[in-house]
PDB file of N, CA and C in Angstrom:
ATOM      1  N   TYR A   1      95.474-168.074 -46.227  1.00  0.00           N
ATOM      2  CA  TYR A   1      94.548-167.088 -45.715  1.00  0.00           C
ATOM      3  C   TYR A   1      94.557-165.871 -46.628  1.00  0.00           C
ATOM      4  N   PHE A   2      93.399-165.236 -46.757  1.00  0.00           N
ATOM      5  CA  PHE A   2      93.279-164.041 -47.580  1.00  0.00           C
ATOM      6  C   PHE A   2      92.457-163.029 -46.790  1.00  0.00           C
ATOM      7  N   TYR A   3      92.984-161.826 -46.613  1.00  0.00           N
ATOM      8  CA  TYR A   3      92.321-160.791 -45.826  1.00  0.00           C
ATOM      9  C   TYR A   3      92.191-159.497 -46.618  1.00  0.00           C
ATOM     10  N   PHE A   4      91.094-158.790 -46.372  1.00  0.00           N
ATOM     11  CA  PHE A   4      90.924-157.415 -46.814  1.00  0.00           C
ATOM     12  C   PHE A   4      91.017-156.540 -45.572  1.00  0.00           C
ATOM     13  N   ALA A   5      91.526-155.327 -45.717  1.00  0.00           N
ATOM     14  CA  ALA A   5      91.588-154.368 -44.612  1.00  0.00           C
ATOM     15  C   ALA A   5      90.770-153.140 -44.986  1.00  0.00           C
ATOM     16  N   VAL A   6      89.886-152.723 -44.082  1.00  0.00           N
ATOM     17  CA  VAL A   6      89.028-151.563 -44.326  1.00  0.00           C
ATOM     18  C   VAL A   6      89.000-150.686 -43.076  1.00  0.00           C
ATOM     19  N   PRO A   7      88.660-149.392 -43.243  1.00  0.00           N
ATOM     20  CA  PRO A   7      88.462-148.539 -42.068  1.00  0.00           C
ATOM     21  C   PRO A   7      87.310-149.089 -41.220  1.00  0.00           C
ATOM     22  N   ILE A   8      87.355-148.824 -39.937  1.00  0.00           N
ATOM     23  CA  ILE A   8      86.382-149.396 -38.999  1.00  0.00           C
ATOM     24  C   ILE A   8      84.941-149.028 -39.351  1.00  0.00           C
ATOM     25  N   ASP A   9      84.707-147.852 -39.933  1.00  0.00           N
ATOM     26  CA  ASP A   9      83.343-147.447 -40.269  1.00  0.00           C
ATOM     27  C   ASP A   9      82.802-148.125 -41.529  1.00  0.00           C
ATOM     28  N   MET A  10      83.623-148.888 -42.227  1.00  0.00           N
ATOM     29  CA  MET A  10      83.192-149.590 -43.447  1.00  0.00           C
ATOM     30  C   MET A  10      82.994-151.096 -43.224  1.00  0.00           C
ATOM     31  N   VAL A  11      82.984-151.545 -41.974  1.00  0.00           N
ATOM     32  CA  VAL A  11      82.930-152.983 -41.684  1.00  0.00           C
ATOM     33  C   VAL A  11      81.651-153.632 -42.205  1.00  0.00           C
ATOM     34  N   ASN A  12      80.495-153.073 -41.904  1.00  0.00           N
ATOM     35  CA  ASN A  12      79.237-153.713 -42.314  1.00  0.00           C
ATOM     36  C   ASN A  12      79.077-153.807 -43.827  1.00  0.00           C
ATOM     37  N   PRO A  13      79.323-152.721 -44.594  1.00  0.00           N
ATOM     38  CA  PRO A  13      79.236-152.867 -46.053  1.00  0.00           C
ATOM     39  C   PRO A  13      80.264-153.857 -46.596  1.00  0.00           C
ATOM     40  N   ALA A  14      81.454-153.865 -46.012  1.00  0.00           N
ATOM     41  CA  ALA A  14      82.496-154.786 -46.479  1.00  0.00           C
ATOM     42  C   ALA A  14      82.110-156.235 -46.208  1.00  0.00           C
ATOM     43  N   LYS A  15      81.510-156.512 -45.056  1.00  0.00           N
ATOM     44  CA  LYS A  15      81.070-157.879 -44.745  1.00  0.00           C
ATOM     45  C   LYS A  15      80.042-158.360 -45.761  1.00  0.00           C
ATOM     46  N   ALA A  16      79.128-157.481 -46.160  1.00  0.00           N
ATOM     47  CA  ALA A  16      78.113-157.860 -47.141  1.00  0.00           C
ATOM     48  C   ALA A  16      78.750-158.223 -48.481  1.00  0.00           C
ATOM     49  N   VAL A  17      79.727-157.433 -48.906  1.00  0.00           N
ATOM     50  CA  VAL A  17      80.422-157.706 -50.172  1.00  0.00           C
ATOM     51  C   VAL A  17      81.221-158.998 -50.071  1.00  0.00           C
ATOM     52  N   LEU A  18      81.915-159.185 -48.967  1.00  0.00           N
ATOM     53  CA  LEU A  18      82.714-160.399 -48.798  1.00  0.00           C
ATOM     54  C   LEU A  18      81.839-161.646 -48.759  1.00  0.00           C
ATOM     55  N   ASP A  19      80.685-161.567 -48.095  1.00  0.00           N
ATOM     56  CA  ASP A  19      79.776-162.719 -48.052  1.00  0.00           C
ATOM     57  C   ASP A  19      79.360-163.147 -49.450  1.00  0.00           C
ATOM     58  N   GLU A  20      79.140-162.162 -50.312  1.00  0.00           N
ATOM     59  CA  GLU A  20      78.671-162.454 -51.666  1.00  0.00           C
ATOM     60  C   GLU A  20      79.802-162.857 -52.611  1.00  0.00           C
ATOM     61  N   LEU A  21      80.908-162.120 -52.602  1.00  0.00           N
ATOM     62  CA  LEU A  21      81.954-162.325 -53.604  1.00  0.00           C
ATOM     63  C   LEU A  21      83.168-163.116 -53.125  1.00  0.00           C
ATOM     64  N   TYR A  22      83.514-162.976 -51.860  1.00  0.00           N
ATOM     65  CA  TYR A  22      84.732-163.602 -51.332  1.00  0.00           C
ATOM     66  C   TYR A  22      84.436-164.299 -50.000  1.00  0.00           C
ATOM     67  N   PRO A  23      83.662-165.373 -50.005  1.00  0.00           N
ATOM     68  CA  PRO A  23      83.271-166.010 -48.740  1.00  0.00           C
ATOM     69  C   PRO A  23      84.441-166.608 -47.961  1.00  0.00           C
ATOM     70  N   TYR A  24      85.560-166.821 -48.605  1.00  0.00           N
ATOM     71  CA  TYR A  24      86.744-167.401 -47.957  1.00  0.00           C
ATOM     72  C   TYR A  24      87.625-166.339 -47.303  1.00  0.00           C
ATOM     73  N   ALA A  25      87.393-165.069 -47.612  1.00  0.00           N
ATOM     74  CA  ALA A  25      88.280-163.988 -47.168  1.00  0.00           C
ATOM     75  C   ALA A  25      87.947-163.521 -45.755  1.00  0.00           C
ATOM     76  N   GLY A  26      88.981-163.081 -45.059  1.00  0.00           N
ATOM     77  CA  GLY A  26      88.818-162.484 -43.744  1.00  0.00           C
ATOM     78  C   GLY A  26      88.756-160.971 -43.867  1.00  0.00           C
ATOM     79  N   LEU A  27      88.455-160.314 -42.761  1.00  0.00           N
ATOM     80  CA  LEU A  27      88.319-158.865 -42.776  1.00  0.00           C
ATOM     81  C   LEU A  27      89.053-158.263 -41.586  1.00  0.00           C
ATOM     82  N   LEU A  28      89.971-157.351 -41.876  1.00  0.00           N
ATOM     83  CA  LEU A  28      90.696-156.607 -40.849  1.00  0.00           C
ATOM     84  C   LEU A  28      90.125-155.203 -40.775  1.00  0.00           C
ATOM     85  N   THR A  29      90.009-154.663 -39.562  1.00  0.00           N
ATOM     86  CA  THR A  29      89.583-153.283 -39.394  1.00  0.00           C
ATOM     87  C   THR A  29      90.797-152.446 -39.019  1.00  0.00           C
ATOM     88  N   VAL A  30      90.824-151.231 -39.525  1.00  0.00           N
ATOM     89  CA  VAL A  30      91.942-150.329 -39.258  1.00  0.00           C
ATOM     90  C   VAL A  30      91.382-149.029 -38.698  1.00  0.00           C
ATOM     91  N   ARG A  31      91.903-148.614 -37.550  1.00  0.00           N
ATOM     92  CA  ARG A  31      91.485-147.349 -36.934  1.00  0.00           C
ATOM     93  C   ARG A  31      92.414-146.226 -37.388  1.00  0.00           C
ATOM     94  N   LYS A  32      91.928-144.987 -37.327  1.00  0.00           N
ATOM     95  CA  LYS A  32      92.743-143.837 -37.729  1.00  0.00           C
ATOM     96  C   LYS A  32      93.932-143.626 -36.807  1.00  0.00           C
ATOM     97  N   GLU A  33      93.711-143.800 -35.486  1.00  0.00           N
ATOM     98  CA  GLU A  33      94.824-143.631 -34.571  1.00  0.00           C
ATOM     99  C   GLU A  33      95.692-144.873 -34.631  1.00  0.00           C
ATOM    100  N   LYS A  34      96.955-144.691 -34.918  1.00  0.00           N
ATOM    101  CA  LYS A  34      97.851-145.821 -35.133  1.00  0.00           C
ATOM    102  C   LYS A  34      98.666-146.132 -33.887  1.00  0.00           C
ATOM    103  N   SER A  35      98.005-146.644 -32.863  1.00  0.00           N
ATOM    104  CA  SER A  35      98.719-147.074 -31.657  1.00  0.00           C
ATOM    105  C   SER A  35      99.020-148.563 -31.802  1.00  0.00           C
ATOM    106  N   TYR A  36     100.128-148.852 -32.443  1.00  0.00           N
ATOM    107  CA  TYR A  36     100.518-150.214 -32.805  1.00  0.00           C
ATOM    108  C   TYR A  36     100.506-151.131 -31.602  1.00  0.00           C
ATOM    109  N   PRO A  37     100.048-152.344 -31.631  1.00  0.00           N
ATOM    110  CA  PRO A  37      99.358-153.032 -32.716  1.00  0.00           C
ATOM    111  C   PRO A  37      97.847-152.968 -32.590  1.00  0.00           C
ATOM    112  N   THR A  38      97.315-152.158 -31.666  1.00  0.00           N
ATOM    113  CA  THR A  38      95.876-152.193 -31.408  1.00  0.00           C
ATOM    114  C   THR A  38      95.032-151.448 -32.431  1.00  0.00           C
ATOM    115  N   TYR A  39      95.636-150.800 -33.404  1.00  0.00           N
ATOM    116  CA  TYR A  39      94.829-150.102 -34.399  1.00  0.00           C
ATOM    117  C   TYR A  39      94.301-151.056 -35.463  1.00  0.00           C
ATOM    118  N   VAL A  40      94.723-152.303 -35.428  1.00  0.00           N
ATOM    119  CA  VAL A  40      94.240-153.318 -36.363  1.00  0.00           C
ATOM    120  C   VAL A  40      93.461-154.365 -35.580  1.00  0.00           C
ATOM    121  N   GLY A  41      92.253-154.665 -36.057  1.00  0.00           N
ATOM    122  CA  GLY A  41      91.436-155.693 -35.417  1.00  0.00           C
ATOM    123  C   GLY A  41      90.931-156.686 -36.445  1.00  0.00           C
ATOM    124  N   VAL A  42      90.482-157.817 -35.983  1.00  0.00           N
ATOM    125  CA  VAL A  42      89.949-158.846 -36.870  1.00  0.00           C
ATOM    126  C   VAL A  42      88.435-158.828 -36.747  1.00  0.00           C
ATOM    127  N   ALA A  43      87.741-158.438 -37.823  1.00  0.00           N
ATOM    128  CA  ALA A  43      86.285-158.408 -37.829  1.00  0.00           C
ATOM    129  C   ALA A  43      85.714-159.744 -38.277  1.00  0.00           C
ATOM    130  N   ARG A  44      86.486-160.458 -39.076  1.00  0.00           N
ATOM    131  CA  ARG A  44      86.042-161.762 -39.577  1.00  0.00           C
ATOM    132  C   ARG A  44      87.272-162.593 -39.912  1.00  0.00           C
ATOM    133  N   ASP A  45      87.315-163.812 -39.401  1.00  0.00           N
ATOM    134  CA  ASP A  45      88.438-164.706 -39.687  1.00  0.00           C
ATOM    135  C   ASP A  45      88.338-165.250 -41.105  1.00  0.00           C
ATOM    136  N   ALA A  46      89.490-165.446 -41.713  1.00  0.00           N
ATOM    137  CA  ALA A  46      89.545-166.032 -43.052  1.00  0.00           C
ATOM    138  C   ALA A  46      89.528-167.546 -42.951  1.00  0.00           C
ATOM    139  N   LYS A  47      89.022-168.163 -43.995  1.00  0.00           N
ATOM    140  CA  LYS A  47      89.080-169.619 -44.069  1.00  0.00           C
ATOM    141  C   LYS A  47      90.479-170.021 -44.504  1.00  0.00           C
ATOM    142  N   ARG A  48      90.918-171.122 -44.020  1.00  0.00           N
ATOM    143  CA  ARG A  48      92.270-171.595 -44.314  1.00  0.00           C
ATOM    144  C   ARG A  48      92.356-172.066 -45.760  1.00  0.00           C
ATOM    145  N   LEU A  49      93.260-171.448 -46.510  1.00  0.00           N
ATOM    146  CA  LEU A  49      93.531-171.871 -47.883  1.00  0.00           C
ATOM    147  C   LEU A  49      94.774-172.751 -47.905  1.00  0.00           C
ATOM    148  N   ALA A  50      95.774-172.356 -47.154  1.00  0.00           N
ATOM    149  CA  ALA A  50      97.021-173.123 -47.036  1.00  0.00           C
ATOM    150  C   ALA A  50      97.836-172.521 -45.904  1.00  0.00           C
ATOM    151  N   GLY A  51      98.720-173.271 -45.325  1.00  0.00           N
ATOM    152  CA  GLY A  51      99.615-172.740 -44.303  1.00  0.00           C
ATOM    153  C   GLY A  51      99.040-172.795 -42.908  1.00  0.00           C
ATOM    154  N   GLU A  52      99.721-172.098 -41.991  1.00  0.00           N
ATOM    155  CA  GLU A  52      99.360-172.096 -40.577  1.00  0.00           C
ATOM    156  C   GLU A  52      98.435-170.929 -40.243  1.00  0.00           C
ATOM    157  N   LYS A  53      97.751-171.029 -39.087  1.00  0.00           N
ATOM    158  CA  LYS A  53      96.895-169.945 -38.615  1.00  0.00           C
ATOM    159  C   LYS A  53      97.765-168.738 -38.279  1.00  0.00           C
ATOM    160  N   LEU A  54      97.316-167.552 -38.689  1.00  0.00           N
ATOM    161  CA  LEU A  54      98.088-166.334 -38.477  1.00  0.00           C
ATOM    162  C   LEU A  54      97.782-165.728 -37.116  1.00  0.00           C
ATOM    163  N   THR A  55      98.798-165.175 -36.476  1.00  0.00           N
ATOM    164  CA  THR A  55      98.610-164.513 -35.188  1.00  0.00           C
ATOM    165  C   THR A  55      98.109-163.090 -35.402  1.00  0.00           C
ATOM    166  N   THR A  56      97.524-162.505 -34.372  1.00  0.00           N
ATOM    167  CA  THR A  56      97.040-161.128 -34.456  1.00  0.00           C
ATOM    168  C   THR A  56      98.187-160.166 -34.727  1.00  0.00           C
ATOM    169  N   MET A  57      99.342-160.407 -34.128  1.00  0.00           N
ATOM    170  CA  MET A  57     100.508-159.553 -34.344  1.00  0.00           C
ATOM    171  C   MET A  57     100.946-159.609 -35.813  1.00  0.00           C
ATOM    172  N   TYR A  58     100.924-160.776 -36.409  1.00  0.00           N
ATOM    173  CA  TYR A  58     101.305-160.912 -37.812  1.00  0.00           C
ATOM    174  C   TYR A  58     100.295-160.192 -38.702  1.00  0.00           C
ATOM    175  N   LEU A  59      99.001-160.289 -38.382  1.00  0.00           N
ATOM    176  CA  LEU A  59      97.975-159.592 -39.156  1.00  0.00           C
ATOM    177  C   LEU A  59      98.168-158.082 -39.075  1.00  0.00           C
ATOM    178  N   ALA A  60      98.555-157.570 -37.898  1.00  0.00           N
ATOM    179  CA  ALA A  60      98.805-156.133 -37.745  1.00  0.00           C
ATOM    180  C   ALA A  60      99.973-155.697 -38.614  1.00  0.00           C
ATOM    181  N   ARG A  61     101.026-156.505 -38.665  1.00  0.00           N
ATOM    182  CA  ARG A  61     102.170-156.176 -39.523  1.00  0.00           C
ATOM    183  C   ARG A  61     101.777-156.224 -40.994  1.00  0.00           C
ATOM    184  N   MET A  62     100.908-157.145 -41.348  1.00  0.00           N
ATOM    185  CA  MET A  62     100.466-157.291 -42.726  1.00  0.00           C
ATOM    186  C   MET A  62      99.649-156.067 -43.172  1.00  0.00           C
ATOM    187  N   ALA A  63      98.874-155.486 -42.266  1.00  0.00           N
ATOM    188  CA  ALA A  63      97.987-154.375 -42.606  1.00  0.00           C
ATOM    189  C   ALA A  63      98.682-153.024 -42.606  1.00  0.00           C
ATOM    190  N   ARG A  64      99.928-152.958 -42.152  1.00  0.00           N
ATOM    191  CA  ARG A  64     100.634-151.678 -42.115  1.00  0.00           C
ATOM    192  C   ARG A  64     100.831-151.102 -43.464  1.00  0.00           C
TER     193      ARG A  64
END
C-alpha cells in the first residue's frame, strides 16, 4: 500500500493529482486539531501492492 497525507482542505486537488499520476496510491486527510486517532481520515483507499490490508489505527500512526 502507498498513501499520501494532505490537510483536509487539499483533498480535492490531491485526488485529481493522484488520479493522473499515482492511481494506485491512497489518500489520508489530516486535521489541524490532533485528537488522536480521529485527526487522520481515509479519503481514498490505496490499491494493494503487497502485504495485508492496513487498519485505520495503523494508518493514523503512519501519518503522525
